[in-house]
Amino acid sequence: MTIVKKNLSNALFQKFNFTRSQSRHIVDAILEIMKQTLAHDEEILISGFGRFYINKKRQRRGRNPKTGEDLMLEPRRVVKFRATEALREKLNGKG
């Protein structure tokens, strides 16, 4: 199952007895803080979970898969995630 924002706010609502509106605002606020942090090329480290960071891709040669035409891909920034050792162990049944 894919977790969406609604699932996160419902989990807060059920676990901590926030109102549905408060839960939705909390999730939105956390995600907005994360977006702003990454937009400023800063990392987000969540202990016991992982690290979100920006990876800068250079301009490179690519190919249109539909037409086979060569083209140049513009430089861009992408968000990457690296799990902590604790999360990797839990995912692999060791924790």
PDB file of N, CA and C in Angstrom:
ATOM      1  N   MET A   1       0.845  -1.181   0.000  1.00  0.00           N
ATOM      2  CA  MET A   1       0.000   0.000   0.000  1.00  0.00           C
ATOM      3  C   MET A   1       0.886   1.239   0.000  1.00  0.00           C
ATOM      4  N   THR A   2       0.512   2.213  -0.780  1.00  0.00           N
ATOM      5  CA  THR A   2       1.214   3.484  -0.820  1.00  0.00           C
ATOM      6  C   THR A   2       0.630   4.411   0.233  1.00  0.00           C
ATOM      7  N   ILE A   3       1.496   5.030   1.008  1.00  0.00           N
ATOM      8  CA  ILE A   3       1.047   5.988   2.018  1.00  0.00           C
ATOM      9  C   ILE A   3       0.972   7.369   1.377  1.00  0.00           C
ATOM     10  N   VAL A   4      -0.162   8.011   1.503  1.00  0.00           N
ATOM     11  CA  VAL A   4      -0.350   9.365   0.989  1.00  0.00           C
ATOM     12  C   VAL A   4      -0.544  10.315   2.166  1.00  0.00           C
ATOM     13  N   LYS A   5      -0.569  11.608   1.888  1.00  0.00           N
ATOM     14  CA  LYS A   5      -0.707  12.595   2.968  1.00  0.00           C
ATOM     15  C   LYS A   5      -1.931  12.322   3.843  1.00  0.00           C
ATOM     16  N   LYS A   6      -3.010  11.897   3.220  1.00  0.00           N
ATOM     17  CA  LYS A   6      -4.228  11.615   3.984  1.00  0.00           C
ATOM     18  C   LYS A   6      -3.984  10.503   5.004  1.00  0.00           C
ATOM     19  N   ASN A   7      -3.220   9.465   4.624  1.00  0.00           N
ATOM     20  CA  ASN A   7      -2.906   8.386   5.560  1.00  0.00           C
ATOM     21  C   ASN A   7      -2.073   8.902   6.727  1.00  0.00           C
ATOM     22  N   LEU A   8      -1.116   9.777   6.438  1.00  0.00           N
ATOM     23  CA  LEU A   8      -0.281  10.335   7.510  1.00  0.00           C
ATOM     24  C   LEU A   8      -1.106  11.167   8.481  1.00  0.00           C
ATOM     25  N   SER A   9      -1.971  12.025   7.945  1.00  0.00           N
ATOM     26  CA  SER A   9      -2.783  12.856   8.843  1.00  0.00           C
ATOM     27  C   SER A   9      -3.779  12.007   9.621  1.00  0.00           C
ATOM     28  N   ASN A  10      -4.325  10.946   9.020  1.00  0.00           N
ATOM     29  CA  ASN A  10      -5.226  10.044   9.752  1.00  0.00           C
ATOM     30  C   ASN A  10      -4.483   9.315  10.871  1.00  0.00           C
ATOM     31  N   ALA A  11      -3.224   8.944  10.617  1.00  0.00           N
ATOM     32  CA  ALA A  11      -2.429   8.282  11.661  1.00  0.00           C
ATOM     33  C   ALA A  11      -2.193   9.226  12.834  1.00  0.00           C
ATOM     34  N   LEU A  12      -1.892  10.492  12.561  1.00  0.00           N
ATOM     35  CA  LEU A  12      -1.739  11.470  13.641  1.00  0.00           C
ATOM     36  C   LEU A  12      -3.050  11.649  14.406  1.00  0.00           C
ATOM     37  N   PHE A  13      -4.142  11.728  13.669  1.00  0.00           N
ATOM     38  CA  PHE A  13      -5.466  11.887  14.270  1.00  0.00           C
ATOM     39  C   PHE A  13      -5.763  10.739  15.234  1.00  0.00           C
ATOM     40  N   GLN A  14      -5.480   9.514  14.814  1.00  0.00           N
ATOM     41  CA  GLN A  14      -5.791   8.354  15.638  1.00  0.00           C
ATOM     42  C   GLN A  14      -4.817   8.163  16.788  1.00  0.00           C
ATOM     43  N   LYS A  15      -3.543   8.396  16.547  1.00  0.00           N
ATOM     44  CA  LYS A  15      -2.534   8.096  17.553  1.00  0.00           C
ATOM     45  C   LYS A  15      -2.435   9.179  18.637  1.00  0.00           C
ATOM     46  N   PHE A  16      -2.593  10.440  18.249  1.00  0.00           N
ATOM     47  CA  PHE A  16      -2.352  11.525  19.194  1.00  0.00           C
ATOM     48  C   PHE A  16      -3.590  12.355  19.515  1.00  0.00           C
ATOM     49  N   ASN A  17      -4.734  11.960  19.006  1.00  0.00           N
ATOM     50  CA  ASN A  17      -6.001  12.635  19.288  1.00  0.00           C
ATOM     51  C   ASN A  17      -6.008  14.098  18.868  1.00  0.00           C
ATOM     52  N   PHE A  18      -5.266  14.442  17.813  1.00  0.00           N
ATOM     53  CA  PHE A  18      -5.425  15.763  17.208  1.00  0.00           C
ATOM     54  C   PHE A  18      -6.736  15.754  16.443  1.00  0.00           C
ATOM     55  N   THR A  19      -7.250  16.926  16.146  1.00  0.00           N
ATOM     56  CA  THR A  19      -8.410  16.960  15.249  1.00  0.00           C
ATOM     57  C   THR A  19      -7.912  16.624  13.848  1.00  0.00           C
ATOM     58  N   ARG A  20      -8.841  16.275  12.977  1.00  0.00           N
ATOM     59  CA  ARG A  20      -8.450  15.973  11.592  1.00  0.00           C
ATOM     60  C   ARG A  20      -7.798  17.196  10.943  1.00  0.00           C
ATOM     61  N   SER A  21      -8.321  18.361  11.238  1.00  0.00           N
ATOM     62  CA  SER A  21      -7.771  19.594  10.677  1.00  0.00           C
ATOM     63  C   SER A  21      -6.355  19.850  11.195  1.00  0.00           C
ATOM     64  N   GLN A  22      -6.155  19.674  12.495  1.00  0.00           N
ATOM     65  CA  GLN A  22      -4.823  19.858  13.069  1.00  0.00           C
ATOM     66  C   GLN A  22      -3.830  18.862  12.463  1.00  0.00           C
ATOM     67  N   SER A  23      -4.251  17.625  12.316  1.00  0.00           N
ATOM     68  CA  SER A  23      -3.389  16.588  11.750  1.00  0.00           C
ATOM     69  C   SER A  23      -2.981  16.942  10.329  1.00  0.00           C
ATOM     70  N   ARG A  24      -3.933  17.403   9.544  1.00  0.00           N
ATOM     71  CA  ARG A  24      -3.657  17.788   8.161  1.00  0.00           C
ATOM     72  C   ARG A  24      -2.672  18.958   8.115  1.00  0.00           C
ATOM     73  N   HIS A  25      -2.844  19.943   8.999  1.00  0.00           N
ATOM     74  CA  HIS A  25      -1.950  21.103   9.049  1.00  0.00           C
ATOM     75  C   HIS A  25      -0.536  20.708   9.482  1.00  0.00           C
ATOM     76  N   ILE A  26      -0.429  19.784  10.405  1.00  0.00           N
ATOM     77  CA  ILE A  26       0.888  19.324  10.867  1.00  0.00           C
ATOM     78  C   ILE A  26       1.641  18.644   9.727  1.00  0.00           C
ATOM     79  N   VAL A  27       0.977  17.739   9.023  1.00  0.00           N
ATOM     80  CA  VAL A  27       1.612  17.041   7.901  1.00  0.00           C
ATOM     81  C   VAL A  27       2.017  18.046   6.823  1.00  0.00           C
ATOM     82  N   ASP A  28       1.115  18.966   6.483  1.00  0.00           N
ATOM     83  CA  ASP A  28       1.431  19.984   5.477  1.00  0.00           C
ATOM     84  C   ASP A  28       2.616  20.844   5.897  1.00  0.00           C
ATOM     85  N   ALA A  29       2.667  21.217   7.178  1.00  0.00           N
ATOM     86  CA  ALA A  29       3.757  22.065   7.680  1.00  0.00           C
ATOM     87  C   ALA A  29       5.092  21.328   7.614  1.00  0.00           C
ATOM     88  N   ILE A  30       5.113  20.074   8.010  1.00  0.00           N
ATOM     89  CA  ILE A  30       6.363  19.293   7.968  1.00  0.00           C
ATOM     90  C   ILE A  30       6.852  19.156   6.529  1.00  0.00           C
ATOM     91  N   LEU A  31       5.952  18.830   5.618  1.00  0.00           N
ATOM     92  CA  LEU A  31       6.349  18.670   4.220  1.00  0.00           C
ATOM     93  C   LEU A  31       6.820  19.994   3.617  1.00  0.00           C
ATOM     94  N   GLU A  32       6.189  21.094   3.989  1.00  0.00           N
ATOM     95  CA  GLU A  32       6.609  22.410   3.491  1.00  0.00           C
ATOM     96  C   GLU A  32       7.994  22.769   4.009  1.00  0.00           C
ATOM     97  N   ILE A  33       8.263  22.475   5.269  1.00  0.00           N
ATOM     98  CA  ILE A  33       9.594  22.717   5.835  1.00  0.00           C
ATOM     99  C   ILE A  33      10.633  21.879   5.094  1.00  0.00           C
ATOM    100  N   MET A  34      10.302  20.640   4.807  1.00  0.00           N
ATOM    101  CA  MET A  34      11.229  19.774   4.081  1.00  0.00           C
ATOM    102  C   MET A  34      11.494  20.312   2.677  1.00  0.00           C
ATOM    103  N   LYS A  35      10.445  20.754   1.978  1.00  0.00           N
ATOM    104  CA  LYS A  35      10.612  21.301   0.629  1.00  0.00           C
ATOM    105  C   LYS A  35      11.495  22.546   0.641  1.00  0.00           C
ATOM    106  N   GLN A  36      11.244  23.443   1.591  1.00  0.00           N
ATOM    107  CA  GLN A  36      12.028  24.672   1.676  1.00  0.00           C
ATOM    108  C   GLN A  36      13.490  24.378   1.996  1.00  0.00           C
ATOM    109  N   THR A  37      13.715  23.431   2.887  1.00  0.00           N
ATOM    110  CA  THR A  37      15.080  23.057   3.263  1.00  0.00           C
ATOM    111  C   THR A  37      15.832  22.506   2.059  1.00  0.00           C
ATOM    112  N   LEU A  38      15.224  21.601   1.330  1.00  0.00           N
ATOM    113  CA  LEU A  38      15.861  21.022   0.155  1.00  0.00           C
ATOM    114  C   LEU A  38      16.043  22.061  -0.955  1.00  0.00           C
ATOM    115  N   ALA A  39      15.094  22.973  -1.088  1.00  0.00           N
ATOM    116  CA  ALA A  39      15.203  24.025  -2.108  1.00  0.00           C
ATOM    117  C   ALA A  39      16.406  24.923  -1.859  1.00  0.00           C
ATOM    118  N   HIS A  40      16.841  25.022  -0.600  1.00  0.00           N
ATOM    119  CA  HIS A  40      18.014  25.821  -0.234  1.00  0.00           C
ATOM    120  C   HIS A  40      19.288  24.971  -0.177  1.00  0.00           C
ATOM    121  N   ASP A  41      19.260  23.807  -0.820  1.00  0.00           N
ATOM    122  CA  ASP A  41      20.411  22.896  -0.886  1.00  0.00           C
ATOM    123  C   ASP A  41      20.905  22.441   0.486  1.00  0.00           C
ATOM    124  N   GLU A  42      20.010  22.335   1.445  1.00  0.00           N
ATOM    125  CA  GLU A  42      20.356  21.837   2.768  1.00  0.00           C
ATOM    126  C   GLU A  42      19.857  20.402   2.902  1.00  0.00           C
ATOM    127  N   GLU A  43      20.550  19.621   3.709  1.00  0.00           N
ATOM    128  CA  GLU A  43      20.155  18.234   3.940  1.00  0.00           C
ATOM    129  C   GLU A  43      19.131  18.146   5.057  1.00  0.00           C
ATOM    130  N   ILE A  44      18.371  17.069   5.035  1.00  0.00           N
ATOM    131  CA  ILE A  44      17.436  16.756   6.116  1.00  0.00           C
ATOM    132  C   ILE A  44      17.865  15.414   6.679  1.00  0.00           C
ATOM    133  N   LEU A  45      18.237  15.397   7.944  1.00  0.00           N
ATOM    134  CA  LEU A  45      18.640  14.165   8.609  1.00  0.00           C
ATOM    135  C   LEU A  45      17.614  13.837   9.687  1.00  0.00           C
ATOM    136  N   ILE A  46      16.986  12.696   9.552  1.00  0.00           N
ATOM    137  CA  ILE A  46      16.018  12.230  10.546  1.00  0.00           C
ATOM    138  C   ILE A  46      16.647  11.011  11.211  1.00  0.00           C
ATOM    139  N   SER A  47      17.063  11.184  12.460  1.00  0.00           N
ATOM    140  CA  SER A  47      17.765  10.119  13.177  1.00  0.00           C
ATOM    141  C   SER A  47      16.956   8.831  13.178  1.00  0.00           C
ATOM    142  N   GLY A  48      17.627   7.734  12.918  1.00  0.00           N
ATOM    143  CA  GLY A  48      16.981   6.433  12.908  1.00  0.00           C
ATOM    144  C   GLY A  48      16.175   6.158  11.654  1.00  0.00           C
ATOM    145  N   PHE A  49      16.133   7.117  10.725  1.00  0.00           N
ATOM    146  CA  PHE A  49      15.348   6.947   9.508  1.00  0.00           C
ATOM    147  C   PHE A  49      16.219   7.118   8.267  1.00  0.00           C
ATOM    148  N   GLY A  50      16.748   8.329   8.075  1.00  0.00           N
ATOM    149  CA  GLY A  50      17.585   8.526   6.900  1.00  0.00           C
ATOM    150  C   GLY A  50      17.877   9.982   6.625  1.00  0.00           C
ATOM    151  N   ARG A  51      18.511  10.200   5.468  1.00  0.00           N
ATOM    152  CA  ARG A  51      18.954  11.524   5.082  1.00  0.00           C
ATOM    153  C   ARG A  51      18.441  11.825   3.677  1.00  0.00           C
ATOM    154  N   PHE A  52      17.785  12.978   3.538  1.00  0.00           N
ATOM    155  CA  PHE A  52      17.372  13.487   2.237  1.00  0.00           C
ATOM    156  C   PHE A  52      18.385  14.547   1.839  1.00  0.00           C
ATOM    157  N   TYR A  53      18.827  14.508   0.584  1.00  0.00           N
ATOM    158  CA  TYR A  53      19.792  15.500   0.132  1.00  0.00           C
ATOM    159  C   TYR A  53      19.616  15.729  -1.365  1.00  0.00           C
ATOM    160  N   ILE A  54      20.230  16.820  -1.844  1.00  0.00           N
ATOM    161  CA  ILE A  54      20.146  17.191  -3.249  1.00  0.00           C
ATOM    162  C   ILE A  54      21.382  16.672  -3.977  1.00  0.00           C
ATOM    163  N   ASN A  55      21.156  16.041  -5.101  1.00  0.00           N
ATOM    164  CA  ASN A  55      22.242  15.598  -5.966  1.00  0.00           C
ATOM    165  C   ASN A  55      22.170  16.427  -7.242  1.00  0.00           C
ATOM    166  N   LYS A  56      23.282  17.034  -7.623  1.00  0.00           N
ATOM    167  CA  LYS A  56      23.309  17.878  -8.818  1.00  0.00           C
ATOM    168  C   LYS A  56      23.786  17.057 -10.003  1.00  0.00           C
ATOM    169  N   LYS A  57      22.964  17.011 -11.039  1.00  0.00           N
ATOM    170  CA  LYS A  57      23.297  16.287 -12.263  1.00  0.00           C
ATOM    171  C   LYS A  57      23.838  17.280 -13.284  1.00  0.00           C
ATOM    172  N   ARG A  58      24.900  16.902 -13.948  1.00  0.00           N
ATOM    173  CA  ARG A  58      25.485  17.749 -14.984  1.00  0.00           C
ATOM    174  C   ARG A  58      24.687  17.622 -16.275  1.00  0.00           C
ATOM    175  N   GLN A  59      24.969  18.541 -17.204  1.00  0.00           N
ATOM    176  CA  GLN A  59      24.404  18.423 -18.534  1.00  0.00           C
ATOM    177  C   GLN A  59      24.992  17.163 -19.172  1.00  0.00           C
ATOM    178  N   ARG A  60      24.162  16.417 -19.877  1.00  0.00           N
ATOM    179  CA  ARG A  60      24.672  15.198 -20.489  1.00  0.00           C
ATOM    180  C   ARG A  60      23.905  14.888 -21.766  1.00  0.00           C
ATOM    181  N   ARG A  61      24.483  14.037 -22.529  1.00  0.00           N
ATOM    182  CA  ARG A  61      23.855  13.630 -23.780  1.00  0.00           C
ATOM    183  C   ARG A  61      22.806  12.572 -23.479  1.00  0.00           C
ATOM    184  N   GLY A  62      21.673  12.689 -24.142  1.00  0.00           N
ATOM    185  CA  GLY A  62      20.608  11.721 -23.963  1.00  0.00           C
ATOM    186  C   GLY A  62      20.002  11.355 -25.302  1.00  0.00           C
ATOM    187  N   ARG A  63      18.939  10.592 -25.250  1.00  0.00           N
ATOM    188  CA  ARG A  63      18.285  10.160 -26.468  1.00  0.00           C
ATOM    189  C   ARG A  63      16.794  10.086 -26.218  1.00  0.00           C
ATOM    190  N   ASN A  64      16.021  10.587 -27.162  1.00  0.00           N
ATOM    191  CA  ASN A  64      14.575  10.477 -27.095  1.00  0.00           C
ATOM    192  C   ASN A  64      14.218   9.025 -27.401  1.00  0.00           C
ATOM    193  N   PRO A  65      13.659   8.279 -26.439  1.00  0.00           N
ATOM    194  CA  PRO A  65      13.395   6.856 -26.668  1.00  0.00           C
ATOM    195  C   PRO A  65      12.338   6.605 -27.752  1.00  0.00           C
ATOM    196  N   LYS A  66      11.479   7.564 -27.970  1.00  0.00           N
ATOM    197  CA  LYS A  66      10.422   7.383 -28.962  1.00  0.00           C
ATOM    198  C   LYS A  66      10.944   7.551 -30.389  1.00  0.00           C
ATOM    199  N   THR A  67      11.794   8.579 -30.578  1.00  0.00           N
ATOM    200  CA  THR A  67      12.270   8.875 -31.940  1.00  0.00           C
ATOM    201  C   THR A  67      13.710   8.440 -32.179  1.00  0.00           C
ATOM    202  N   GLY A  68      14.454   8.183 -31.105  1.00  0.00           N
ATOM    203  CA  GLY A  68      15.860   7.835 -31.241  1.00  0.00           C
ATOM    204  C   GLY A  68      16.762   9.040 -31.464  1.00  0.00           C
ATOM    205  N   GLU A  69      16.177  10.234 -31.455  1.00  0.00           N
ATOM    206  CA  GLU A  69      16.913  11.469 -31.700  1.00  0.00           C
ATOM    207  C   GLU A  69      17.839  11.792 -30.521  1.00  0.00           C
ATOM    208  N   ASP A  70      19.100  12.170 -30.829  1.00  0.00           N
ATOM    209  CA  ASP A  70      20.036  12.601 -29.790  1.00  0.00           C
ATOM    210  C   ASP A  70      19.661  13.993 -29.318  1.00  0.00           C
ATOM    211  N   LEU A  71      19.873  14.254 -28.022  1.00  0.00           N
ATOM    212  CA  LEU A  71      19.607  15.576 -27.464  1.00  0.00           C
ATOM    213  C   LEU A  71      20.475  15.782 -26.243  1.00  0.00           C
ATOM    214  N   MET A  72      20.556  17.026 -25.800  1.00  0.00           N
ATOM    215  CA  MET A  72      21.318  17.345 -24.594  1.00  0.00           C
ATOM    216  C   MET A  72      20.333  17.547 -23.444  1.00  0.00           C
ATOM    217  N   LEU A  73      20.565  16.826 -22.355  1.00  0.00           N
ATOM    218  CA  LEU A  73      19.735  16.981 -21.158  1.00  0.00           C
ATOM    219  C   LEU A  73      20.324  18.092 -20.307  1.00  0.00           C
ATOM    220  N   GLU A  74      19.493  19.005 -19.878  1.00  0.00           N
ATOM    221  CA  GLU A  74      19.929  20.154 -19.086  1.00  0.00           C
ATOM    222  C   GLU A  74      20.394  19.716 -17.699  1.00  0.00           C
ATOM    223  N   PRO A  75      21.295  20.501 -17.094  1.00  0.00           N
ATOM    224  CA  PRO A  75      21.672  20.195 -15.705  1.00  0.00           C
ATOM    225  C   PRO A  75      20.443  20.337 -14.809  1.00  0.00           C
ATOM    226  N   ARG A  76      20.389  19.527 -13.780  1.00  0.00           N
ATOM    227  CA  ARG A  76      19.225  19.575 -12.877  1.00  0.00           C
ATOM    228  C   ARG A  76      19.617  19.084 -11.499  1.00  0.00           C
ATOM    229  N   ARG A  77      18.719  19.311 -10.563  1.00  0.00           N
ATOM    230  CA  ARG A  77      18.903  18.845  -9.189  1.00  0.00           C
ATOM    231  C   ARG A  77      17.829  17.812  -8.895  1.00  0.00           C
ATOM    232  N   VAL A  78      18.224  16.741  -8.221  1.00  0.00           N
ATOM    233  CA  VAL A  78      17.273  15.692  -7.857  1.00  0.00           C
ATOM    234  C   VAL A  78      17.408  15.402  -6.363  1.00  0.00           C
ATOM    235  N   VAL A  79      16.317  14.992  -5.754  1.00  0.00           N
ATOM    236  CA  VAL A  79      16.319  14.630  -4.338  1.00  0.00           C
ATOM    237  C   VAL A  79      16.707  13.165  -4.222  1.00  0.00           C
ATOM    238  N   LYS A  80      17.632  12.882  -3.322  1.00  0.00           N
ATOM    239  CA  LYS A  80      18.055  11.510  -3.063  1.00  0.00           C
ATOM    240  C   LYS A  80      17.806  11.217  -1.584  1.00  0.00           C
ATOM    241  N   PHE A  81      17.703   9.925  -1.276  1.00  0.00           N
ATOM    242  CA  PHE A  81      17.475   9.488   0.100  1.00  0.00           C
ATOM    243  C   PHE A  81      18.450   8.375   0.416  1.00  0.00           C
ATOM    244  N   ARG A  82      19.028   8.448   1.583  1.00  0.00           N
ATOM    245  CA  ARG A  82      19.904   7.375   2.056  1.00  0.00           C
ATOM    246  C   ARG A  82      19.411   6.948   3.438  1.00  0.00           C
ATOM    247  N   ALA A  83      19.021   5.698   3.552  1.00  0.00           N
ATOM    248  CA  ALA A  83      18.496   5.161   4.808  1.00  0.00           C
ATOM    249  C   ALA A  83      19.623   4.979   5.821  1.00  0.00           C
ATOM    250  N   THR A  84      19.274   5.119   7.100  1.00  0.00           N
ATOM    251  CA  THR A  84      20.250   4.849   8.153  1.00  0.00           C
ATOM    252  C   THR A  84      20.448   3.344   8.272  1.00  0.00           C
ATOM    253  N   GLU A  85      21.515   2.977   8.930  1.00  0.00           N
ATOM    254  CA  GLU A  85      21.804   1.555   9.164  1.00  0.00           C
ATOM    255  C   GLU A  85      20.651   0.899   9.921  1.00  0.00           C
ATOM    256  N   ALA A  86      20.080   1.621  10.905  1.00  0.00           N
ATOM    257  CA  ALA A  86      18.986   1.069  11.696  1.00  0.00           C
ATOM    258  C   ALA A  86      17.772   0.759  10.812  1.00  0.00           C
ATOM    259  N   LEU A  87      17.439   1.634   9.890  1.00  0.00           N
ATOM    260  CA  LEU A  87      16.307   1.391   8.996  1.00  0.00           C
ATOM    261  C   LEU A  87      16.612   0.234   8.044  1.00  0.00           C
ATOM    262  N   ARG A  88      17.812   0.194   7.505  1.00  0.00           N
ATOM    263  CA  ARG A  88      18.179  -0.902   6.605  1.00  0.00           C
ATOM    264  C   ARG A  88      18.086  -2.247   7.327  1.00  0.00           C
ATOM    265  N   GLU A  89      18.553  -2.295   8.585  1.00  0.00           N
ATOM    266  CA  GLU A  89      18.453  -3.541   9.347  1.00  0.00           C
ATOM    267  C   GLU A  89      17.003  -3.948   9.573  1.00  0.00           C
ATOM    268  N   LYS A  90      16.172  -2.973   9.903  1.00  0.00           N
ATOM    269  CA  LYS A  90      14.753  -3.276  10.135  1.00  0.00           C
ATOM    270  C   LYS A  90      14.097  -3.798   8.866  1.00  0.00           C
ATOM    271  N   LEU A  91      14.415  -3.188   7.725  1.00  0.00           N
ATOM    272  CA  LEU A  91      13.846  -3.625   6.457  1.00  0.00           C
ATOM    273  C   LEU A  91      14.292  -5.037   6.076  1.00  0.00           C
ATOM    274  N   ASN A  92      15.501  -5.397   6.507  1.00  0.00           N
ATOM    275  CA  ASN A  92      16.037  -6.708   6.167  1.00  0.00           C
ATOM    276  C   ASN A  92      15.844  -7.741   7.286  1.00  0.00           C
ATOM    277  N   GLY A  93      14.968  -7.421   8.257  1.00  0.00           N
ATOM    278  CA  GLY A  93      14.614  -8.372   9.300  1.00  0.00           C
ATOM    279  C   GLY A  93      15.652  -8.605  10.359  1.00  0.00           C
ATOM    280  N   LYS A  94      16.604  -7.680  10.487  1.00  0.00           N
ATOM    281  CA  LYS A  94      17.654  -7.865  11.493  1.00  0.00           C
ATOM    282  C   LYS A  94      17.444  -6.994  12.739  1.00  0.00           C
ATOM    283  N   GLY A  95      16.466  -6.103  12.686  1.00  0.00           N
ATOM    284  CA  GLY A  95      16.305  -5.175  13.801  1.00  0.00           C
ATOM    285  C   GLY A  95      14.968  -5.243  14.452  1.00  0.00           C
TER     286      GLY A  95
END
